[in-house]
């Protein structure tokens, strides 16, 4: 990791982290097709890392989109814990998008 928190953060480690600035290019769990929902590493989540946590959040987003699409008042799956920076409205240290 270099330039942590600096103007040009880079990841030089071999981790499964999406390229900087690509978050907003990825689709959401809910699509324009009323019965098509996406999940997996390819969708936009707050956990911008190929991990179990990212997969969990992607699944939660897709499951919560089901009753929304049906205008149902069914109970939603709890959302993933939001870190302090997120709750304060601050951007992710590594995100530029």
C-alpha atoms as a PDB file:
ATOM      1  CA  UNK A   1       0.000   0.000   0.000  1.00  0.00           C
ATOM      2  CA  UNK A   2       1.359   3.426  -0.849  1.00  0.00           C
ATOM      3  CA  UNK A   3       0.102   6.966  -0.352  1.00  0.00           C
ATOM      4  CA  UNK A   4      -2.404   5.929   2.312  1.00  0.00           C
ATOM      5  CA  UNK A   5      -4.815   8.836   2.576  1.00  0.00           C
ATOM      6  CA  UNK A   6      -2.714  10.903   0.199  1.00  0.00           C
ATOM      7  CA  UNK A   7      -3.791  12.493  -3.065  1.00  0.00           C
ATOM      8  CA  UNK A   8      -2.928   9.419  -5.175  1.00  0.00           C
ATOM      9  CA  UNK A   9      -3.632   6.216  -3.218  1.00  0.00           C
ATOM     10  CA  UNK A  10      -2.427   3.025  -4.912  1.00  0.00           C
ATOM     11  CA  UNK A  11      -2.595  -0.604  -3.974  1.00  0.00           C
ATOM     12  CA  UNK A  12       0.552  -2.539  -4.855  1.00  0.00           C
ATOM     13  CA  UNK A  13      -0.535  -5.689  -2.990  1.00  0.00           C
ATOM     14  CA  UNK A  14      -2.030  -8.724  -4.706  1.00  0.00           C
ATOM     15  CA  UNK A  15      -5.455  -8.370  -3.169  1.00  0.00           C
ATOM     16  CA  UNK A  16      -8.784  -8.676  -4.901  1.00  0.00           C
ATOM     17  CA  UNK A  17      -9.586  -4.969  -4.739  1.00  0.00           C
ATOM     18  CA  UNK A  18     -11.422  -3.314  -7.576  1.00  0.00           C
ATOM     19  CA  UNK A  19      -9.473  -0.672  -9.502  1.00  0.00           C
ATOM     20  CA  UNK A  20      -9.663   2.827  -8.052  1.00  0.00           C
ATOM     21  CA  UNK A  21     -12.585   4.878  -9.345  1.00  0.00           C
ATOM     22  CA  UNK A  22     -14.644   1.965 -10.731  1.00  0.00           C
ATOM     23  CA  UNK A  23     -17.296   1.805  -7.971  1.00  0.00           C
ATOM     24  CA  UNK A  24     -19.826   3.976  -9.773  1.00  0.00           C
ATOM     25  CA  UNK A  25     -19.391   2.076 -13.054  1.00  0.00           C
ATOM     26  CA  UNK A  26     -20.788  -1.127 -11.533  1.00  0.00           C
ATOM     27  CA  UNK A  27     -24.514  -1.973 -11.603  1.00  0.00           C
ATOM     28  CA  UNK A  28     -26.773  -2.043  -8.560  1.00  0.00           C
ATOM     29  CA  UNK A  29     -28.549  -5.171  -7.317  1.00  0.00           C
ATOM     30  CA  UNK A  30     -31.872  -3.992  -8.751  1.00  0.00           C
ATOM     31  CA  UNK A  31     -32.076  -3.731 -12.530  1.00  0.00           C
ATOM     32  CA  UNK A  32     -34.534  -2.174 -14.975  1.00  0.00           C
ATOM     33  CA  UNK A  33     -36.016  -5.641 -15.563  1.00  0.00           C
ATOM     34  CA  UNK A  34     -38.673  -6.093 -12.854  1.00  0.00           C
ATOM     35  CA  UNK A  35     -37.729  -9.711 -12.124  1.00  0.00           C
ATOM     36  CA  UNK A  36     -33.934  -9.556 -12.516  1.00  0.00           C
ATOM     37  CA  UNK A  37     -31.671  -8.931  -9.523  1.00  0.00           C
ATOM     38  CA  UNK A  38     -27.883  -9.075  -9.469  1.00  0.00           C
ATOM     39  CA  UNK A  39     -25.511 -10.172  -6.760  1.00  0.00           C
ATOM     40  CA  UNK A  40     -21.844 -11.008  -6.572  1.00  0.00           C
ATOM     41  CA  UNK A  41     -18.541  -9.229  -6.821  1.00  0.00           C
ATOM     42  CA  UNK A  42     -19.587  -7.254  -9.896  1.00  0.00           C
ATOM     43  CA  UNK A  43     -22.238  -5.059  -8.255  1.00  0.00           C
ATOM     44  CA  UNK A  44     -21.836  -1.765  -6.407  1.00  0.00           C
ATOM     45  CA  UNK A  45     -21.488  -2.272  -2.640  1.00  0.00           C
ATOM     46  CA  UNK A  46     -19.945  -0.320   0.212  1.00  0.00           C
ATOM     47  CA  UNK A  47     -17.510  -3.199   0.761  1.00  0.00           C
ATOM     48  CA  UNK A  48     -15.311  -2.556  -2.267  1.00  0.00           C
ATOM     49  CA  UNK A  49     -13.377  -5.799  -1.891  1.00  0.00           C
ATOM     50  CA  UNK A  50     -13.805  -9.346  -3.168  1.00  0.00           C
ATOM     51  CA  UNK A  51     -14.485 -10.933   0.218  1.00  0.00           C
ATOM     52  CA  UNK A  52     -17.123 -12.779   2.212  1.00  0.00           C
ATOM     53  CA  UNK A  53     -18.274  -9.450   3.587  1.00  0.00           C
ATOM     54  CA  UNK A  54     -18.665  -8.041   0.074  1.00  0.00           C
ATOM     55  CA  UNK A  55     -20.614 -11.129  -1.010  1.00  0.00           C
ATOM     56  CA  UNK A  56     -22.800 -10.836   2.079  1.00  0.00           C
ATOM     57  CA  UNK A  57     -23.613  -7.209   1.369  1.00  0.00           C
ATOM     58  CA  UNK A  58     -24.330  -7.934  -2.305  1.00  0.00           C
ATOM     59  CA  UNK A  59     -26.764 -10.666  -1.278  1.00  0.00           C
ATOM     60  CA  UNK A  60     -28.464  -8.377   1.245  1.00  0.00           C
ATOM     61  CA  UNK A  61     -28.931  -5.699  -1.415  1.00  0.00           C
ATOM     62  CA  UNK A  62     -30.491  -8.205  -3.828  1.00  0.00           C
ATOM     63  CA  UNK A  63     -32.770  -9.706  -1.161  1.00  0.00           C
ATOM     64  CA  UNK A  64     -33.933  -6.270  -0.023  1.00  0.00           C
ATOM     65  CA  UNK A  65     -34.685  -5.307  -3.632  1.00  0.00           C
ATOM     66  CA  UNK A  66     -37.241  -8.143  -3.935  1.00  0.00           C
ATOM     67  CA  UNK A  67     -39.968  -6.673  -1.683  1.00  0.00           C
ATOM     68  CA  UNK A  68     -39.163  -3.176  -2.961  1.00  0.00           C
ATOM     69  CA  UNK A  69     -39.856  -4.302  -6.536  1.00  0.00           C
ATOM     70  CA  UNK A  70     -43.159  -5.861  -5.428  1.00  0.00           C
ATOM     71  CA  UNK A  71     -44.209  -2.846  -3.315  1.00  0.00           C
ATOM     72  CA  UNK A  72     -44.387  -5.234  -0.383  1.00  0.00           C
ATOM     73  CA  UNK A  73     -44.260  -4.266   3.262  1.00  0.00           C
ATOM     74  CA  UNK A  74     -42.296  -7.442   4.057  1.00  0.00           C
ATOM     75  CA  UNK A  75     -39.493  -7.064   6.547  1.00  0.00           C
ATOM     76  CA  UNK A  76     -36.094  -6.254   5.040  1.00  0.00           C
ATOM     77  CA  UNK A  77     -32.837  -8.038   5.791  1.00  0.00           C
ATOM     78  CA  UNK A  78     -30.687  -6.005   8.162  1.00  0.00           C
ATOM     79  CA  UNK A  79     -28.176  -3.819   6.459  1.00  0.00           C
ATOM     80  CA  UNK A  80     -24.469  -4.316   6.889  1.00  0.00           C
ATOM     81  CA  UNK A  81     -22.862  -2.382   9.744  1.00  0.00           C
ATOM     82  CA  UNK A  82     -21.748   1.013   8.503  1.00  0.00           C
ATOM     83  CA  UNK A  83     -18.299   2.188   9.616  1.00  0.00           C
ATOM     84  CA  UNK A  84     -17.882   5.526  11.358  1.00  0.00           C
ATOM     85  CA  UNK A  85     -16.482   7.287   8.258  1.00  0.00           C
ATOM     86  CA  UNK A  86     -19.573   6.211   6.284  1.00  0.00           C
ATOM     87  CA  UNK A  87     -22.009   7.377   8.983  1.00  0.00           C
ATOM     88  CA  UNK A  88     -20.257  10.755   9.087  1.00  0.00           C
ATOM     89  CA  UNK A  89     -20.686  11.135   5.322  1.00  0.00           C
ATOM     90  CA  UNK A  90     -16.933  10.877   4.675  1.00  0.00           C
ATOM     91  CA  UNK A  91     -15.592   9.018   1.655  1.00  0.00           C
ATOM     92  CA  UNK A  92     -13.692   5.756   1.857  1.00  0.00           C
ATOM     93  CA  UNK A  93      -9.977   6.363   2.384  1.00  0.00           C
ATOM     94  CA  UNK A  94      -9.161   4.471  -0.835  1.00  0.00           C
ATOM     95  CA  UNK A  95     -12.122   5.493  -2.995  1.00  0.00           C
ATOM     96  CA  UNK A  96     -11.811   8.217  -5.575  1.00  0.00           C
ATOM     97  CA  UNK A  97     -15.142   7.578  -7.341  1.00  0.00           C
END
